[in-house]
């Protein structure tokens, strides 16, 4: 596996960079680490790309749009490293190029070649998408579909526990216990869903996005490259 240049923003993004570096190392990769201190020259941070005997083939940034991501990607272009993949997390997932202050808007054409990983949910069923369009005149986001799926679980749970005749005081706990039973699966607008004892999905999805400069009316936007289920088999 190739070498990765991992850069953090010395703040919240440091934990993100730490996590990436640790997992990348577990997979057999090697990491060259740099910190983007306040006032640091982004181009100087990219020195390993030319100075290392085995130079990094990818750059990962742990940070946000307002803690150095646009400047770092622009520096990669200026230094002739625009063909290298620029990876990050959903700290950059803050809107299209039409939204002021977003990563894509601030980085401009340099945003092309950027990819992010975003903890998410499965894509909703086509029937839900069409119903949402008909009702609201726009595309549903992942939170809309997830909220609807949650209601579906709650309604199914209420119907099931109602037959046991719980008291008003016991209803909440009875519903919770039913819904988070790990042996159960529910058919929702997100497909088959299951929860663990904490109420978290047993099928955690990660969606990978890249910048498409032709999206959002030519302003650029994040588009889905792939989705992957990192949970256990149902």
Protein backbone atom coordinates (compact mmCIF):
# COMPACT_ATOMS: atom_id res chain seq x y z
CA UNK A 1 0.00 0.00 0.00
CA UNK A 2 1.28 3.46 -0.85
CA UNK A 3 2.36 6.19 1.52
CA UNK A 4 -0.19 8.77 2.71
CA UNK A 5 0.58 12.36 3.68
CA UNK A 6 -1.72 13.05 6.63
CA UNK A 7 -2.24 16.67 7.70
CA UNK A 8 -4.31 17.87 10.64
CA UNK A 9 -5.58 21.32 11.61
CA UNK A 10 -4.16 21.08 15.18
CA UNK A 11 -7.72 21.28 16.56
CA UNK A 12 -10.77 19.01 16.19
CA UNK A 13 -9.40 17.63 12.95
CA UNK A 14 -6.44 16.15 14.80
CA UNK A 15 -8.62 13.32 16.10
CA UNK A 16 -9.87 12.66 12.58
CA UNK A 17 -6.32 12.56 11.25
CA UNK A 18 -5.23 10.30 14.12
CA UNK A 19 -8.01 7.86 13.33
CA UNK A 20 -7.18 7.76 9.63
CA UNK A 21 -3.47 7.32 10.31
CA UNK A 22 -4.07 4.47 12.74
CA UNK A 23 -6.41 2.58 10.44
CA UNK A 24 -4.20 3.18 7.41
CA UNK A 25 -1.26 1.76 9.33
CA UNK A 26 -3.29 -1.29 10.36
CA UNK A 27 -3.90 -1.97 6.68
CA UNK A 28 -0.17 -1.93 6.02
CA UNK A 29 0.24 1.62 4.75
CA UNK A 30 2.81 4.15 5.87
CA UNK A 31 1.96 7.65 7.02
CA UNK A 32 3.94 10.89 6.84
CA UNK A 33 2.36 13.30 9.34
CA UNK A 34 2.28 17.09 9.31
CA UNK A 35 0.33 19.69 11.33
CA UNK A 36 -1.20 22.80 9.79
CA UNK A 37 -0.38 25.28 12.54
CA UNK A 38 -1.99 28.73 12.43
CA UNK A 39 -0.23 30.83 9.81
CA UNK A 40 1.59 27.85 8.31
CA UNK A 41 2.42 27.90 4.60
CA UNK A 42 0.35 25.08 3.04
CA UNK A 43 2.92 24.58 0.30
CA UNK A 44 5.63 23.92 2.90
CA UNK A 45 3.48 21.14 4.38
CA UNK A 46 3.54 19.41 1.00
CA UNK A 47 7.33 19.07 0.97
CA UNK A 48 7.20 15.26 1.55
CA UNK A 49 5.56 14.92 -1.86
CA UNK A 50 8.85 15.86 -3.50
CA UNK A 51 11.46 15.25 -0.82
CA UNK A 52 10.60 11.70 0.30
CA UNK A 53 12.43 8.81 -1.36
CA UNK A 54 9.05 7.03 -1.43
CA UNK A 55 6.71 10.01 -1.80
CA UNK A 56 3.09 9.88 -0.65
CA UNK A 57 0.55 9.04 -3.30
CA UNK A 58 -2.42 10.52 -1.49
CA UNK A 59 -3.07 13.48 0.82
CA UNK A 60 -5.53 13.20 3.71
CA UNK A 61 -6.68 16.29 5.61
CA UNK A 62 -8.25 16.17 9.06
CA UNK A 63 -10.04 19.48 9.39
CA UNK A 64 -12.76 21.71 8.01
CA UNK A 65 -13.41 24.18 5.24
CA UNK A 66 -12.54 27.03 7.57
CA UNK A 67 -9.44 25.43 9.09
CA UNK A 68 -7.35 25.08 5.97
CA UNK A 69 -8.87 22.59 3.52
CA UNK A 70 -9.38 24.99 0.57
CA UNK A 71 -5.93 26.50 1.05
CA UNK A 72 -4.26 23.09 1.24
CA UNK A 73 -5.96 21.79 -1.90
CA UNK A 74 -5.15 25.01 -3.76
CA UNK A 75 -1.52 24.66 -2.65
CA UNK A 76 -1.46 21.13 -4.09
CA UNK A 77 -2.54 22.54 -7.45
CA UNK A 78 -0.01 25.38 -7.30
CA UNK A 79 2.80 22.97 -6.45
CA UNK A 80 1.95 20.66 -9.33
CA UNK A 81 0.33 17.91 -7.26
CA UNK A 82 -3.22 18.37 -8.50
CA UNK A 83 -3.39 14.82 -9.85
CA UNK A 84 -2.92 13.34 -6.37
CA UNK A 85 -6.15 12.36 -4.61
CA UNK A 86 -7.18 14.73 -1.82
CA UNK A 87 -9.14 12.84 0.83
CA UNK A 88 -11.00 14.06 3.87
CA UNK A 89 -14.06 13.47 6.01
CA UNK A 90 -17.46 15.11 6.27
CA UNK A 91 -15.95 18.25 7.77
CA UNK A 92 -15.81 19.33 4.11
CA UNK A 93 -19.35 18.17 3.36
CA UNK A 94 -20.86 21.62 3.74
CA UNK A 95 -22.72 22.34 0.55
CA UNK A 96 -22.31 22.98 -3.14
CA UNK A 97 -20.29 25.66 -4.87
CA UNK A 98 -23.41 27.82 -4.80
CA UNK A 99 -23.29 28.06 -1.00
CA UNK A 100 -21.12 30.84 0.39
CA UNK A 101 -18.31 29.61 2.61
CA UNK A 102 -18.52 26.00 1.49
CA UNK A 103 -15.36 24.06 0.69
CA UNK A 104 -16.25 23.86 -3.01
CA UNK A 105 -17.04 27.58 -3.21
CA UNK A 106 -13.82 28.57 -1.44
CA UNK A 107 -11.54 26.15 -3.29
CA UNK A 108 -13.05 26.91 -6.69
CA UNK A 109 -11.68 24.80 -9.54
CA UNK A 110 -9.08 23.34 -7.16
CA UNK A 111 -11.87 21.37 -5.45
CA UNK A 112 -11.94 18.92 -8.36
CA UNK A 113 -10.09 15.78 -7.28
CA UNK A 114 -11.41 15.95 -3.71
CA UNK A 115 -13.11 12.95 -2.11
CA UNK A 116 -14.75 12.61 1.31
CA UNK A 117 -16.11 9.77 3.42
CA UNK A 118 -19.40 10.49 5.18
CA UNK A 119 -21.08 8.32 7.82
CA UNK A 120 -24.59 7.93 6.47
CA UNK A 121 -27.59 5.71 5.82
CA UNK A 122 -28.58 3.66 2.76
CA UNK A 123 -30.21 5.40 -0.16
CA UNK A 124 -34.01 5.58 0.20
CA UNK A 125 -36.39 3.61 -1.95
CA UNK A 126 -37.47 5.21 -5.22
CA UNK A 127 -41.10 5.29 -4.07
CA UNK A 128 -40.16 7.44 -1.06
CA UNK A 129 -38.10 9.79 -3.21
CA UNK A 130 -40.98 10.30 -5.65
CA UNK A 131 -43.52 10.85 -2.87
CA UNK A 132 -41.21 13.41 -1.26
CA UNK A 133 -40.78 15.25 -4.58
CA UNK A 134 -44.55 15.31 -5.08
CA UNK A 135 -45.12 16.67 -1.57
CA UNK A 136 -42.30 19.20 -1.26
CA UNK A 137 -41.06 19.88 -4.78
CA UNK A 138 -37.45 18.97 -4.01
CA UNK A 139 -35.17 16.02 -3.43
CA UNK A 140 -35.12 14.43 0.04
CA UNK A 141 -31.86 14.48 1.95
CA UNK A 142 -30.59 11.54 4.00
CA UNK A 143 -32.03 12.98 7.21
CA UNK A 144 -35.53 13.11 5.75
CA UNK A 145 -35.41 9.45 4.82
CA UNK A 146 -33.83 8.46 8.14
CA UNK A 147 -36.51 10.35 10.10
CA UNK A 148 -39.26 8.64 8.15
CA UNK A 149 -37.66 5.25 8.75
CA UNK A 150 -37.51 5.99 12.48
CA UNK A 151 -41.24 6.72 12.49
CA UNK A 152 -41.86 3.43 10.70
CA UNK A 153 -39.95 1.56 13.44
CA UNK A 154 -41.81 3.37 16.20
CA UNK A 155 -45.23 2.71 14.66
CA UNK A 156 -44.46 -0.98 14.17
CA UNK A 157 -43.19 -1.18 17.74
CA UNK A 158 -46.28 0.53 19.15
CA UNK A 159 -48.56 -1.87 17.30
CA UNK A 160 -46.64 -4.82 18.66
CA UNK A 161 -46.46 -3.76 22.32
CA UNK A 162 -50.06 -2.53 22.35
CA UNK A 163 -51.22 -6.15 22.30
CA UNK A 164 -49.48 -6.74 25.64
CA UNK A 165 -51.47 -3.97 27.31
CA UNK A 166 -48.63 -2.06 29.02
CA UNK A 167 -49.50 0.68 31.48
CA UNK A 168 -48.85 4.28 30.39
CA UNK A 169 -45.83 4.32 32.70
CA UNK A 170 -44.40 1.14 31.17
CA UNK A 171 -45.13 1.98 27.53
CA UNK A 172 -41.91 3.86 26.83
CA UNK A 173 -39.64 1.09 28.12
CA UNK A 174 -41.71 -1.61 26.41
CA UNK A 175 -41.41 0.21 23.10
CA UNK A 176 -37.68 0.78 23.52
CA UNK A 177 -37.04 -2.87 24.41
CA UNK A 178 -39.01 -4.07 21.40
CA UNK A 179 -37.40 -1.79 18.85
CA UNK A 180 -33.78 -2.38 19.95
CA UNK A 181 -34.11 -6.16 20.02
CA UNK A 182 -31.13 -7.17 17.87
CA UNK A 183 -32.98 -10.22 16.52
CA UNK A 184 -35.53 -8.05 14.75
CA UNK A 185 -35.39 -6.49 11.30
CA UNK A 186 -37.75 -3.85 9.92
CA UNK A 187 -38.74 -3.01 6.38
CA UNK A 188 -38.48 0.76 5.91
CA UNK A 189 -37.96 3.37 3.22
CA UNK A 190 -34.24 2.67 3.71
CA UNK A 191 -34.71 -1.03 3.10
CA UNK A 192 -34.15 -3.62 5.82
CA UNK A 193 -33.04 -2.00 9.08
CA UNK A 194 -31.91 -3.48 12.41
CA UNK A 195 -30.84 -1.83 15.67
CA UNK A 196 -28.47 -2.89 18.42
CA UNK A 197 -29.12 -2.54 22.14
CA UNK A 198 -28.05 1.11 22.04
CA UNK A 199 -30.44 1.97 19.24
CA UNK A 200 -27.66 2.23 16.63
CA UNK A 201 -27.99 0.67 13.22
CA UNK A 202 -26.35 -2.74 12.84
CA UNK A 203 -25.66 -1.79 9.23
CA UNK A 204 -23.55 1.38 9.40
CA UNK A 205 -23.06 2.85 5.95
CA UNK A 206 -20.31 5.09 4.71
CA UNK A 207 -20.94 7.12 1.57
CA UNK A 208 -18.04 8.31 -0.53
CA UNK A 209 -18.46 11.58 -2.40
CA UNK A 210 -16.32 13.39 -4.97
CA UNK A 211 -16.57 16.89 -6.38
CA UNK A 212 -18.33 17.11 -9.74
CA UNK A 213 -17.72 20.57 -11.26
CA UNK A 214 -20.74 20.21 -13.57
CA UNK A 215 -23.24 19.64 -10.75
CA UNK A 216 -25.39 22.34 -9.12
CA UNK A 217 -25.83 24.16 -12.40
CA UNK A 218 -22.10 24.27 -13.08
CA UNK A 219 -21.24 25.57 -9.60
CA UNK A 220 -19.94 22.18 -8.49
CA UNK A 221 -21.29 19.81 -5.87
CA UNK A 222 -20.58 16.57 -4.02
CA UNK A 223 -21.86 13.51 -5.88
CA UNK A 224 -21.95 9.92 -4.65
CA UNK A 225 -19.16 7.65 -5.83
CA UNK A 226 -20.19 4.58 -3.83
CA UNK A 227 -21.85 3.42 -0.64
CA UNK A 228 -20.50 0.65 1.54
CA UNK A 229 -22.13 -1.24 4.38
CA UNK A 230 -19.53 -1.71 7.13
CA UNK A 231 -21.84 -3.61 9.45
CA UNK A 232 -22.24 -7.33 10.03
CA UNK A 233 -24.35 -9.40 7.68
CA UNK A 234 -28.04 -9.25 8.66
